Amino acid sequence: MRPQSGDNMLFVLNIGEGSLAAGGRGGGFGERRVSGVCCFELKSNAWSLVFRAPPERVGEYEVPYYVSRLPLTMADGTETMGYGVVDPELVSELSKKSGISSSA
């Protein structure tokens, strides 16, 4: 794990996998339906889960069109591809929608 400093907030929006997932077809067209939403917060060098969207509210969240694809190294050392964006305004918007306070 990389050293962390300061407080931070991370939203994870799960999207479907397979040929209909965004990026699964030419030009990135495809399904971008969110199947789960969690928010994690870093405080005092410790990450904690602060929000998990109930299934009936998951449909209120959308994946931004401007996310970038990037390699992710999992805790066990394996690599996978994911999508990500650093956007304090998006974090504030998602925080409000989720009913949690944001320091972004």
PDB file of N, CA and C in Angstrom:
ATOM      1  N   MET A   1       0.841  -1.182   0.000  1.00  0.00           N
ATOM      2  CA  MET A   1       0.000   0.000   0.000  1.00  0.00           C
ATOM      3  C   MET A   1       0.883   1.240   0.000  1.00  0.00           C
ATOM      4  N   ARG A   2       0.493   2.205  -0.771  1.00  0.00           N
ATOM      5  CA  ARG A   2       1.249   3.450  -0.852  1.00  0.00           C
ATOM      6  C   ARG A   2       0.951   4.324   0.359  1.00  0.00           C
ATOM      7  N   PRO A   3       1.933   5.103   0.809  1.00  0.00           N
ATOM      8  CA  PRO A   3       1.668   6.004   1.932  1.00  0.00           C
ATOM      9  C   PRO A   3       0.652   7.070   1.531  1.00  0.00           C
ATOM     10  N   GLN A   4      -0.191   7.439   2.442  1.00  0.00           N
ATOM     11  CA  GLN A   4      -1.215   8.447   2.202  1.00  0.00           C
ATOM     12  C   GLN A   4      -0.986   9.611   3.152  1.00  0.00           C
ATOM     13  N   SER A   5      -1.394  10.797   2.729  1.00  0.00           N
ATOM     14  CA  SER A   5      -1.334  11.941   3.624  1.00  0.00           C
ATOM     15  C   SER A   5      -2.601  12.754   3.442  1.00  0.00           C
ATOM     16  N   GLY A   6      -3.113  13.291   4.509  1.00  0.00           N
ATOM     17  CA  GLY A   6      -4.319  14.094   4.444  1.00  0.00           C
ATOM     18  C   GLY A   6      -5.574  13.258   4.318  1.00  0.00           C
ATOM     19  N   ASP A   7      -6.693  13.962   4.269  1.00  0.00           N
ATOM     20  CA  ASP A   7      -7.993  13.313   4.147  1.00  0.00           C
ATOM     21  C   ASP A   7      -8.365  13.208   2.668  1.00  0.00           C
ATOM     22  N   ASN A   8      -9.185  12.232   2.350  1.00  0.00           N
ATOM     23  CA  ASN A   8      -9.595  12.030   0.969  1.00  0.00           C
ATOM     24  C   ASN A   8     -10.923  11.297   0.955  1.00  0.00           C
ATOM     25  N   MET A   9     -11.611  11.344  -0.195  1.00  0.00           N
ATOM     26  CA  MET A   9     -12.879  10.651  -0.359  1.00  0.00           C
ATOM     27  C   MET A   9     -12.868   9.976  -1.717  1.00  0.00           C
ATOM     28  N   LEU A  10     -13.369   8.743  -1.774  1.00  0.00           N
ATOM     29  CA  LEU A  10     -13.366   7.955  -2.994  1.00  0.00           C
ATOM     30  C   LEU A  10     -14.744   7.342  -3.199  1.00  0.00           C
ATOM     31  N   PHE A  11     -15.350   7.637  -4.346  1.00  0.00           N
ATOM     32  CA  PHE A  11     -16.600   6.993  -4.729  1.00  0.00           C
ATOM     33  C   PHE A  11     -16.279   5.888  -5.704  1.00  0.00           C
ATOM     34  N   VAL A  12     -16.891   4.731  -5.525  1.00  0.00           N
ATOM     35  CA  VAL A  12     -16.746   3.601  -6.436  1.00  0.00           C
ATOM     36  C   VAL A  12     -18.124   3.327  -7.019  1.00  0.00           C
ATOM     37  N   LEU A  13     -18.210   3.474  -8.351  1.00  0.00           N
ATOM     38  CA  LEU A  13     -19.441   3.165  -9.068  1.00  0.00           C
ATOM     39  C   LEU A  13     -19.174   1.909  -9.870  1.00  0.00           C
ATOM     40  N   ASN A  14     -19.826   0.826  -9.519  1.00  0.00           N
ATOM     41  CA  ASN A  14     -19.667  -0.438 -10.236  1.00  0.00           C
ATOM     42  C   ASN A  14     -20.504  -0.400 -11.505  1.00  0.00           C
ATOM     43  N   ILE A  15     -19.908  -0.859 -12.605  1.00  0.00           N
ATOM     44  CA  ILE A  15     -20.668  -1.004 -13.845  1.00  0.00           C
ATOM     45  C   ILE A  15     -20.553  -2.447 -14.293  1.00  0.00           C
ATOM     46  N   GLY A  16     -21.486  -2.863 -15.124  1.00  0.00           N
ATOM     47  CA  GLY A  16     -21.507  -4.240 -15.594  1.00  0.00           C
ATOM     48  C   GLY A  16     -20.265  -4.597 -16.382  1.00  0.00           C
ATOM     49  N   GLU A  17     -19.941  -5.876 -16.406  1.00  0.00           N
ATOM     50  CA  GLU A  17     -18.813  -6.376 -17.185  1.00  0.00           C
ATOM     51  C   GLU A  17     -19.338  -7.131 -18.384  1.00  0.00           C
ATOM     52  N   GLY A  18     -18.501  -7.270 -19.401  1.00  0.00           N
ATOM     53  CA  GLY A  18     -18.885  -8.034 -20.577  1.00  0.00           C
ATOM     54  C   GLY A  18     -19.010  -7.152 -21.797  1.00  0.00           C
ATOM     55  N   SER A  19     -19.557  -7.710 -22.856  1.00  0.00           N
ATOM     56  CA  SER A  19     -19.573  -7.029 -24.143  1.00  0.00           C
ATOM     57  C   SER A  19     -20.460  -5.796 -24.164  1.00  0.00           C
ATOM     58  N   LEU A  20     -21.408  -5.663 -23.262  1.00  0.00           N
ATOM     59  CA  LEU A  20     -22.263  -4.481 -23.254  1.00  0.00           C
ATOM     60  C   LEU A  20     -21.736  -3.379 -22.352  1.00  0.00           C
ATOM     61  N   ALA A  21     -20.705  -3.652 -21.564  1.00  0.00           N
ATOM     62  CA  ALA A  21     -20.143  -2.635 -20.679  1.00  0.00           C
ATOM     63  C   ALA A  21     -19.447  -1.573 -21.511  1.00  0.00           C
ATOM     64  N   ALA A  22     -19.389  -0.359 -20.989  1.00  0.00           N
ATOM     65  CA  ALA A  22     -18.724   0.747 -21.690  1.00  0.00           C
ATOM     66  C   ALA A  22     -17.313   0.353 -22.044  1.00  0.00           C
ATOM     67  N   GLY A  23     -16.932   0.600 -23.266  1.00  0.00           N
ATOM     68  CA  GLY A  23     -15.605   0.224 -23.712  1.00  0.00           C
ATOM     69  C   GLY A  23     -15.559  -1.164 -24.300  1.00  0.00           C
ATOM     70  N   GLY A  24     -16.624  -1.935 -24.151  1.00  0.00           N
ATOM     71  CA  GLY A  24     -16.654  -3.283 -24.678  1.00  0.00           C
ATOM     72  C   GLY A  24     -16.895  -3.335 -26.174  1.00  0.00           C
ATOM     73  N   ARG A  25     -17.333  -2.215 -26.731  1.00  0.00           N
ATOM     74  CA  ARG A  25     -17.538  -2.136 -28.170  1.00  0.00           C
ATOM     75  C   ARG A  25     -16.776  -0.936 -28.701  1.00  0.00           C
ATOM     76  N   GLY A  26     -16.623  -0.847 -29.994  1.00  0.00           N
ATOM     77  CA  GLY A  26     -15.854   0.225 -30.616  1.00  0.00           C
ATOM     78  C   GLY A  26     -16.286   1.606 -30.165  1.00  0.00           C
ATOM     79  N   GLY A  27     -15.318   2.463 -29.890  1.00  0.00           N
ATOM     80  CA  GLY A  27     -15.604   3.837 -29.518  1.00  0.00           C
ATOM     81  C   GLY A  27     -16.124   4.019 -28.113  1.00  0.00           C
ATOM     82  N   GLY A  28     -16.159   2.964 -27.312  1.00  0.00           N
ATOM     83  CA  GLY A  28     -16.618   3.096 -25.935  1.00  0.00           C
ATOM     84  C   GLY A  28     -18.125   3.101 -25.793  1.00  0.00           C
ATOM     85  N   PHE A  29     -18.861   2.866 -26.908  1.00  0.00           N
ATOM     86  CA  PHE A  29     -20.314   2.814 -26.805  1.00  0.00           C
ATOM     87  C   PHE A  29     -20.721   1.518 -26.128  1.00  0.00           C
ATOM     88  N   GLY A  30     -21.775   1.572 -25.407  1.00  0.00           N
ATOM     89  CA  GLY A  30     -22.254   0.376 -24.737  1.00  0.00           C
ATOM     90  C   GLY A  30     -22.973   0.748 -23.462  1.00  0.00           C
ATOM     91  N   GLU A  31     -23.330  -0.216 -22.732  1.00  0.00           N
ATOM     92  CA  GLU A  31     -24.076  -0.016 -21.498  1.00  0.00           C
ATOM     93  C   GLU A  31     -23.172   0.543 -20.414  1.00  0.00           C
ATOM     94  N   ARG A  32     -23.650   1.556 -19.714  1.00  0.00           N
ATOM     95  CA  ARG A  32     -22.902   2.160 -18.609  1.00  0.00           C
ATOM     96  C   ARG A  32     -23.780   2.199 -17.359  1.00  0.00           C
ATOM     97  N   ARG A  33     -24.605   1.198 -17.206  1.00  0.00           N
ATOM     98  CA  ARG A  33     -25.526   1.154 -16.073  1.00  0.00           C
ATOM     99  C   ARG A  33     -24.766   0.869 -14.788  1.00  0.00           C
ATOM    100  N   VAL A  34     -25.024   1.661 -13.778  1.00  0.00           N
ATOM    101  CA  VAL A  34     -24.389   1.500 -12.472  1.00  0.00           C
ATOM    102  C   VAL A  34     -25.099   0.380 -11.728  1.00  0.00           C
ATOM    103  N   SER A  35     -24.312  -0.560 -11.193  1.00  0.00           N
ATOM    104  CA  SER A  35     -24.889  -1.687 -10.462  1.00  0.00           C
ATOM    105  C   SER A  35     -24.609  -1.623  -8.962  1.00  0.00           C
ATOM    106  N   GLY A  36     -23.799  -0.666  -8.537  1.00  0.00           N
ATOM    107  CA  GLY A  36     -23.495  -0.500  -7.118  1.00  0.00           C
ATOM    108  C   GLY A  36     -22.730   0.787  -6.884  1.00  0.00           C
ATOM    109  N   VAL A  37     -22.914   1.383  -5.713  1.00  0.00           N
ATOM    110  CA  VAL A  37     -22.229   2.632  -5.358  1.00  0.00           C
ATOM    111  C   VAL A  37     -21.777   2.538  -3.911  1.00  0.00           C
ATOM    112  N   CYS A  38     -20.483   2.837  -3.697  1.00  0.00           N
ATOM    113  CA  CYS A  38     -19.926   2.904  -2.343  1.00  0.00           C
ATOM    114  C   CYS A  38     -19.070   4.159  -2.239  1.00  0.00           C
ATOM    115  N   CYS A  39     -18.958   4.677  -1.051  1.00  0.00           N
ATOM    116  CA  CYS A  39     -18.072   5.803  -0.791  1.00  0.00           C
ATOM    117  C   CYS A  39     -17.159   5.434   0.375  1.00  0.00           C
ATOM    118  N   PHE A  40     -15.864   5.675   0.173  1.00  0.00           N
ATOM    119  CA  PHE A  40     -14.860   5.430   1.198  1.00  0.00           C
ATOM    120  C   PHE A  40     -14.205   6.755   1.551  1.00  0.00           C
ATOM    121  N   GLU A  41     -13.797   6.890   2.816  1.00  0.00           N
ATOM    122  CA  GLU A  41     -13.161   8.117   3.281  1.00  0.00           C
ATOM    123  C   GLU A  41     -11.847   7.785   3.974  1.00  0.00           C
ATOM    124  N   LEU A  42     -10.830   8.586   3.664  1.00  0.00           N
ATOM    125  CA  LEU A  42      -9.529   8.452   4.312  1.00  0.00           C
ATOM    126  C   LEU A  42      -9.398   9.534   5.367  1.00  0.00           C
ATOM    127  N   LYS A  43      -9.251   9.117   6.604  1.00  0.00           N
ATOM    128  CA  LYS A  43      -9.026  10.042   7.726  1.00  0.00           C
ATOM    129  C   LYS A  43      -8.014   9.401   8.655  1.00  0.00           C
ATOM    130  N   SER A  44      -7.046  10.173   9.078  1.00  0.00           N
ATOM    131  CA  SER A  44      -6.006   9.689   9.991  1.00  0.00           C
ATOM    132  C   SER A  44      -5.349   8.423   9.456  1.00  0.00           C
ATOM    133  N   ASN A  45      -5.055   8.423   8.148  1.00  0.00           N
ATOM    134  CA  ASN A  45      -4.383   7.295   7.475  1.00  0.00           C
ATOM    135  C   ASN A  45      -5.167   5.999   7.497  1.00  0.00           C
ATOM    136  N   ALA A  46      -6.495   6.065   7.667  1.00  0.00           N
ATOM    137  CA  ALA A  46      -7.323   4.853   7.666  1.00  0.00           C
ATOM    138  C   ALA A  46      -8.526   5.062   6.756  1.00  0.00           C
ATOM    139  N   TRP A  47      -8.746   4.092   5.848  1.00  0.00           N
ATOM    140  CA  TRP A  47      -9.907   4.132   4.961  1.00  0.00           C
ATOM    141  C   TRP A  47     -11.090   3.474   5.658  1.00  0.00           C
ATOM    142  N   SER A  48     -12.278   4.064   5.493  1.00  0.00           N
ATOM    143  CA  SER A  48     -13.485   3.443   6.036  1.00  0.00           C
ATOM    144  C   SER A  48     -14.638   3.639   5.052  1.00  0.00           C
ATOM    145  N   LEU A  49     -15.554   2.681   5.035  1.00  0.00           N
ATOM    146  CA  LEU A  49     -16.749   2.763   4.217  1.00  0.00           C
ATOM    147  C   LEU A  49     -17.723   3.702   4.911  1.00  0.00           C
ATOM    148  N   VAL A  50     -18.158   4.760   4.214  1.00  0.00           N
ATOM    149  CA  VAL A  50     -19.083   5.715   4.821  1.00  0.00           C
ATOM    150  C   VAL A  50     -20.470   5.686   4.177  1.00  0.00           C
ATOM    151  N   PHE A  51     -20.573   5.033   3.007  1.00  0.00           N
ATOM    152  CA  PHE A  51     -21.877   4.992   2.332  1.00  0.00           C
ATOM    153  C   PHE A  51     -21.915   3.829   1.355  1.00  0.00           C
ATOM    154  N   ARG A  52     -23.036   3.147   1.319  1.00  0.00           N
ATOM    155  CA  ARG A  52     -23.320   2.134   0.305  1.00  0.00           C
ATOM    156  C   ARG A  52     -24.763   2.383  -0.130  1.00  0.00           C
ATOM    157  N   ALA A  53     -24.966   2.642  -1.426  1.00  0.00           N
ATOM    158  CA  ALA A  53     -26.309   2.943  -1.927  1.00  0.00           C
ATOM    159  C   ALA A  53     -27.201   1.717  -1.828  1.00  0.00           C
ATOM    160  N   PRO A  54     -28.397   1.882  -1.298  1.00  0.00           N
ATOM    161  CA  PRO A  54     -29.336   0.766  -1.292  1.00  0.00           C
ATOM    162  C   PRO A  54     -29.733   0.440  -2.737  1.00  0.00           C
ATOM    163  N   PRO A  55     -30.045  -0.810  -3.030  1.00  0.00           N
ATOM    164  CA  PRO A  55     -30.352  -1.222  -4.408  1.00  0.00           C
ATOM    165  C   PRO A  55     -31.399  -0.348  -5.107  1.00  0.00           C
ATOM    166  N   GLU A  56     -32.390   0.104  -4.383  1.00  0.00           N
ATOM    167  CA  GLU A  56     -33.442   0.907  -5.011  1.00  0.00           C
ATOM    168  C   GLU A  56     -32.976   2.312  -5.404  1.00  0.00           C
ATOM    169  N   ARG A  57     -31.801   2.756  -4.922  1.00  0.00           N
ATOM    170  CA  ARG A  57     -31.289   4.093  -5.258  1.00  0.00           C
ATOM    171  C   ARG A  57     -30.129   4.049  -6.246  1.00  0.00           C
ATOM    172  N   VAL A  58     -29.605   2.878  -6.560  1.00  0.00           N
ATOM    173  CA  VAL A  58     -28.441   2.766  -7.445  1.00  0.00           C
ATOM    174  C   VAL A  58     -28.705   3.415  -8.807  1.00  0.00           C
ATOM    175  N   GLY A  59     -29.931   3.314  -9.303  1.00  0.00           N
ATOM    176  CA  GLY A  59     -30.287   3.886 -10.600  1.00  0.00           C
ATOM    177  C   GLY A  59     -30.191   5.395 -10.660  1.00  0.00           C
ATOM    178  N   GLU A  60     -30.064   6.067  -9.507  1.00  0.00           N
ATOM    179  CA  GLU A  60     -29.930   7.530  -9.474  1.00  0.00           C
ATOM    180  C   GLU A  60     -28.527   7.998  -9.857  1.00  0.00           C
ATOM    181  N   TYR A  61     -27.576   7.077  -9.912  1.00  0.00           N
ATOM    182  CA  TYR A  61     -26.181   7.421 -10.169  1.00  0.00           C
ATOM    183  C   TYR A  61     -25.812   7.100 -11.612  1.00  0.00           C
ATOM    184  N   GLU A  62     -24.982   7.954 -12.203  1.00  0.00           N
ATOM    185  CA  GLU A  62     -24.529   7.752 -13.575  1.00  0.00           C
ATOM    186  C   GLU A  62     -23.020   7.852 -13.628  1.00  0.00           C
ATOM    187  N   VAL A  63     -22.412   7.082 -14.534  1.00  0.00           N
ATOM    188  CA  VAL A  63     -20.967   7.155 -14.755  1.00  0.00           C
ATOM    189  C   VAL A  63     -20.705   8.366 -15.642  1.00  0.00           C
ATOM    190  N   PRO A  64     -19.837   9.277 -15.240  1.00  0.00           N
ATOM    191  CA  PRO A  64     -19.526  10.436 -16.086  1.00  0.00           C
ATOM    192  C   PRO A  64     -18.943   9.992 -17.425  1.00  0.00           C
ATOM    193  N   TYR A  65     -19.240  10.722 -18.473  1.00  0.00           N
ATOM    194  CA  TYR A  65     -18.761  10.363 -19.805  1.00  0.00           C
ATOM    195  C   TYR A  65     -17.258  10.552 -19.965  1.00  0.00           C
ATOM    196  N   TYR A  66     -16.615  11.321 -19.093  1.00  0.00           N
ATOM    197  CA  TYR A  66     -15.218  11.691 -19.266  1.00  0.00           C
ATOM    198  C   TYR A  66     -14.231  10.857 -18.433  1.00  0.00           C
ATOM    199  N   VAL A  67     -14.656   9.723 -17.917  1.00  0.00           N
ATOM    200  CA  VAL A  67     -13.745   8.888 -17.135  1.00  0.00           C
ATOM    201  C   VAL A  67     -12.675   8.269 -18.033  1.00  0.00           C
ATOM    202  N   SER A  68     -11.517   7.981 -17.474  1.00  0.00           N
ATOM    203  CA  SER A  68     -10.400   7.386 -18.207  1.00  0.00           C
ATOM    204  C   SER A  68     -10.176   5.945 -17.759  1.00  0.00           C
ATOM    205  N   ARG A  69      -9.727   5.108 -18.672  1.00  0.00           N
ATOM    206  CA  ARG A  69      -9.405   3.717 -18.341  1.00  0.00           C
ATOM    207  C   ARG A  69      -7.977   3.666 -17.811  1.00  0.00           C
ATOM    208  N   LEU A  70      -7.746   2.910 -16.738  1.00  0.00           N
ATOM    209  CA  LEU A  70      -6.427   2.833 -16.143  1.00  0.00           C
ATOM    210  C   LEU A  70      -6.206   1.481 -15.484  1.00  0.00           C
ATOM    211  N   PRO A  71      -4.940   1.049 -15.402  1.00  0.00           N
ATOM    212  CA  PRO A  71      -4.656  -0.227 -14.735  1.00  0.00           C
ATOM    213  C   PRO A  71      -4.741  -0.061 -13.212  1.00  0.00           C
ATOM    214  N   LEU A  72      -5.279  -1.073 -12.551  1.00  0.00           N
ATOM    215  CA  LEU A  72      -5.383  -1.073 -11.097  1.00  0.00           C
ATOM    216  C   LEU A  72      -4.638  -2.278 -10.551  1.00  0.00           C
ATOM    217  N   THR A  73      -3.866  -2.090  -9.494  1.00  0.00           N
ATOM    218  CA  THR A  73      -3.189  -3.188  -8.815  1.00  0.00           C
ATOM    219  C   THR A  73      -3.991  -3.518  -7.564  1.00  0.00           C
ATOM    220  N   MET A  74      -4.487  -4.737  -7.496  1.00  0.00           N
ATOM    221  CA  MET A  74      -5.308  -5.159  -6.376  1.00  0.00           C
ATOM    222  C   MET A  74      -4.429  -5.489  -5.162  1.00  0.00           C
ATOM    223  N   ALA A  75      -5.052  -5.650  -3.999  1.00  0.00           N
ATOM    224  CA  ALA A  75      -4.312  -5.920  -2.765  1.00  0.00           C
ATOM    225  C   ALA A  75      -3.467  -7.181  -2.855  1.00  0.00           C
ATOM    226  N   ASP A  76      -3.927  -8.171  -3.649  1.00  0.00           N
ATOM    227  CA  ASP A  76      -3.162  -9.422  -3.771  1.00  0.00           C
ATOM    228  C   ASP A  76      -2.084  -9.355  -4.859  1.00  0.00           C
ATOM    229  N   GLY A  77      -1.914  -8.163  -5.473  1.00  0.00           N
ATOM    230  CA  GLY A  77      -0.869  -7.980  -6.478  1.00  0.00           C
ATOM    231  C   GLY A  77      -1.325  -8.207  -7.909  1.00  0.00           C
ATOM    232  N   THR A  78      -2.536  -8.736  -8.096  1.00  0.00           N
ATOM    233  CA  THR A  78      -3.027  -8.930  -9.459  1.00  0.00           C
ATOM    234  C   THR A  78      -3.425  -7.584 -10.055  1.00  0.00           C
ATOM    235  N   GLU A  79      -3.423  -7.534 -11.380  1.00  0.00           N
ATOM    236  CA  GLU A  79      -3.801  -6.299 -12.058  1.00  0.00           C
ATOM    237  C   GLU A  79      -5.111  -6.476 -12.803  1.00  0.00           C
ATOM    238  N   THR A  80      -5.870  -5.416 -12.887  1.00  0.00           N
ATOM    239  CA  THR A  80      -7.121  -5.386 -13.624  1.00  0.00           C
ATOM    240  C   THR A  80      -7.258  -3.995 -14.229  1.00  0.00           C
ATOM    241  N   MET A  81      -8.187  -3.823 -15.118  1.00  0.00           N
ATOM    242  CA  MET A  81      -8.440  -2.508 -15.700  1.00  0.00           C
ATOM    243  C   MET A  81      -9.692  -1.921 -15.061  1.00  0.00           C
ATOM    244  N   GLY A  82      -9.653  -0.630 -14.854  1.00  0.00           N
ATOM    245  CA  GLY A  82     -10.786   0.077 -14.289  1.00  0.00           C
ATOM    246  C   GLY A  82     -10.900   1.441 -14.929  1.00  0.00           C
ATOM    247  N   TYR A  83     -11.856   2.190 -14.501  1.00  0.00           N
ATOM    248  CA  TYR A  83     -12.065   3.538 -15.003  1.00  0.00           C
ATOM    249  C   TYR A  83     -11.982   4.474 -13.816  1.00  0.00           C
ATOM    250  N   GLY A  84     -11.442   5.656 -14.032  1.00  0.00           N
ATOM    251  CA  GLY A  84     -11.319   6.577 -12.922  1.00  0.00           C
ATOM    252  C   GLY A  84     -11.229   8.018 -13.367  1.00  0.00           C
ATOM    253  N   VAL A  85     -11.522   8.890 -12.441  1.00  0.00           N
ATOM    254  CA  VAL A  85     -11.431  10.324 -12.682  1.00  0.00           C
ATOM    255  C   VAL A  85     -11.196  11.010 -11.337  1.00  0.00           C
ATOM    256  N   VAL A  86     -10.411  12.052 -11.353  1.00  0.00           N
ATOM    257  CA  VAL A  86     -10.205  12.881 -10.171  1.00  0.00           C
ATOM    258  C   VAL A  86     -10.989  14.159 -10.412  1.00  0.00           C
ATOM    259  N   ASP A  87     -12.046  14.360  -9.650  1.00  0.00           N
ATOM    260  CA  ASP A  87     -12.934  15.491  -9.893  1.00  0.00           C
ATOM    261  C   ASP A  87     -13.618  15.912  -8.586  1.00  0.00           C
ATOM    262  N   PRO A  88     -13.071  16.923  -7.901  1.00  0.00           N
ATOM    263  CA  PRO A  88     -13.664  17.368  -6.633  1.00  0.00           C
ATOM    264  C   PRO A  88     -15.125  17.800  -6.767  1.00  0.00           C
ATOM    265  N   GLU A  89     -15.501  18.397  -7.894  1.00  0.00           N
ATOM    266  CA  GLU A  89     -16.895  18.806  -8.087  1.00  0.00           C
ATOM    267  C   GLU A  89     -17.812  17.585  -8.181  1.00  0.00           C
ATOM    268  N   LEU A  90     -17.346  16.533  -8.854  1.00  0.00           N
ATOM    269  CA  LEU A  90     -18.135  15.300  -8.946  1.00  0.00           C
ATOM    270  C   LEU A  90     -18.283  14.658  -7.567  1.00  0.00           C
ATOM    271  N   VAL A  91     -17.209  14.668  -6.780  1.00  0.00           N
ATOM    272  CA  VAL A  91     -17.284  14.123  -5.419  1.00  0.00           C
ATOM    273  C   VAL A  91     -18.309  14.900  -4.599  1.00  0.00           C
ATOM    274  N   SER A  92     -18.308  16.239  -4.730  1.00  0.00           N
ATOM    275  CA  SER A  92     -19.297  17.050  -4.006  1.00  0.00           C
ATOM    276  C   SER A  92     -20.714  16.719  -4.448  1.00  0.00           C
ATOM    277  N   GLU A  93     -20.902  16.564  -5.771  1.00  0.00           N
ATOM    278  CA  GLU A  93     -22.223  16.221  -6.299  1.00  0.00           C
ATOM    279  C   GLU A  93     -22.686  14.851  -5.802  1.00  0.00           C
ATOM    280  N   LEU A  94     -21.798  13.859  -5.864  1.00  0.00           N
ATOM    281  CA  LEU A  94     -22.153  12.517  -5.397  1.00  0.00           C
ATOM    282  C   LEU A  94     -22.389  12.496  -3.893  1.00  0.00           C
ATOM    283  N   SER A  95     -21.613  13.286  -3.160  1.00  0.00           N
ATOM    284  CA  SER A  95     -21.798  13.366  -1.702  1.00  0.00           C
ATOM    285  C   SER A  95     -23.179  13.916  -1.362  1.00  0.00           C
ATOM    286  N   LYS A  96     -23.573  14.988  -2.045  1.00  0.00           N
ATOM    287  CA  LYS A  96     -24.897  15.559  -1.799  1.00  0.00           C
ATOM    288  C   LYS A  96     -25.994  14.549  -2.115  1.00  0.00           C
ATOM    289  N   LYS A  97     -25.857  13.875  -3.250  1.00  0.00           N
ATOM    290  CA  LYS A  97     -26.847  12.872  -3.661  1.00  0.00           C
ATOM    291  C   LYS A  97     -26.923  11.740  -2.637  1.00  0.00           C
ATOM    292  N   SER A  98     -25.773  11.429  -2.027  1.00  0.00           N
ATOM    293  CA  SER A  98     -25.687  10.327  -1.062  1.00  0.00           C
ATOM    294  C   SER A  98     -26.046  10.746   0.359  1.00  0.00           C
ATOM    295  N   GLY A  99     -26.180  12.051   0.588  1.00  0.00           N
ATOM    296  CA  GLY A  99     -26.522  12.532   1.918  1.00  0.00           C
ATOM    297  C   GLY A  99     -25.372  12.521   2.901  1.00  0.00           C
ATOM    298  N   ILE A 100     -24.125  12.631   2.375  1.00  0.00           N
ATOM    299  CA  ILE A 100     -22.960  12.687   3.257  1.00  0.00           C
ATOM    300  C   ILE A 100     -22.214  13.986   3.020  1.00  0.00           C
ATOM    301  N   SER A 101     -21.462  14.441   4.015  1.00  0.00           N
ATOM    302  CA  SER A 101     -20.715  15.682   3.851  1.00  0.00           C
ATOM    303  C   SER A 101     -19.406  15.393   3.126  1.00  0.00           C
ATOM    304  N   SER A 102     -18.952  16.370   2.344  1.00  0.00           N
ATOM    305  CA  SER A 102     -17.734  16.226   1.548  1.00  0.00           C
ATOM    306  C   SER A 102     -16.785  17.353   1.891  1.00  0.00           C
ATOM    307  N   SER A 103     -15.499  17.011   2.002  1.00  0.00           N
ATOM    308  CA  SER A 103     -14.484  18.037   2.231  1.00  0.00           C
ATOM    309  C   SER A 103     -13.836  18.453   0.919  1.00  0.00           C
ATOM    310  N   ALA A 104     -14.341  17.930  -0.213  1.00  0.00           N
ATOM    311  CA  ALA A 104     -13.773  18.244  -1.536  1.00  0.00           C
ATOM    312  C   ALA A 104     -14.144  19.638  -1.952  1.00  0.00           C
TER     313      ALA A 104
END
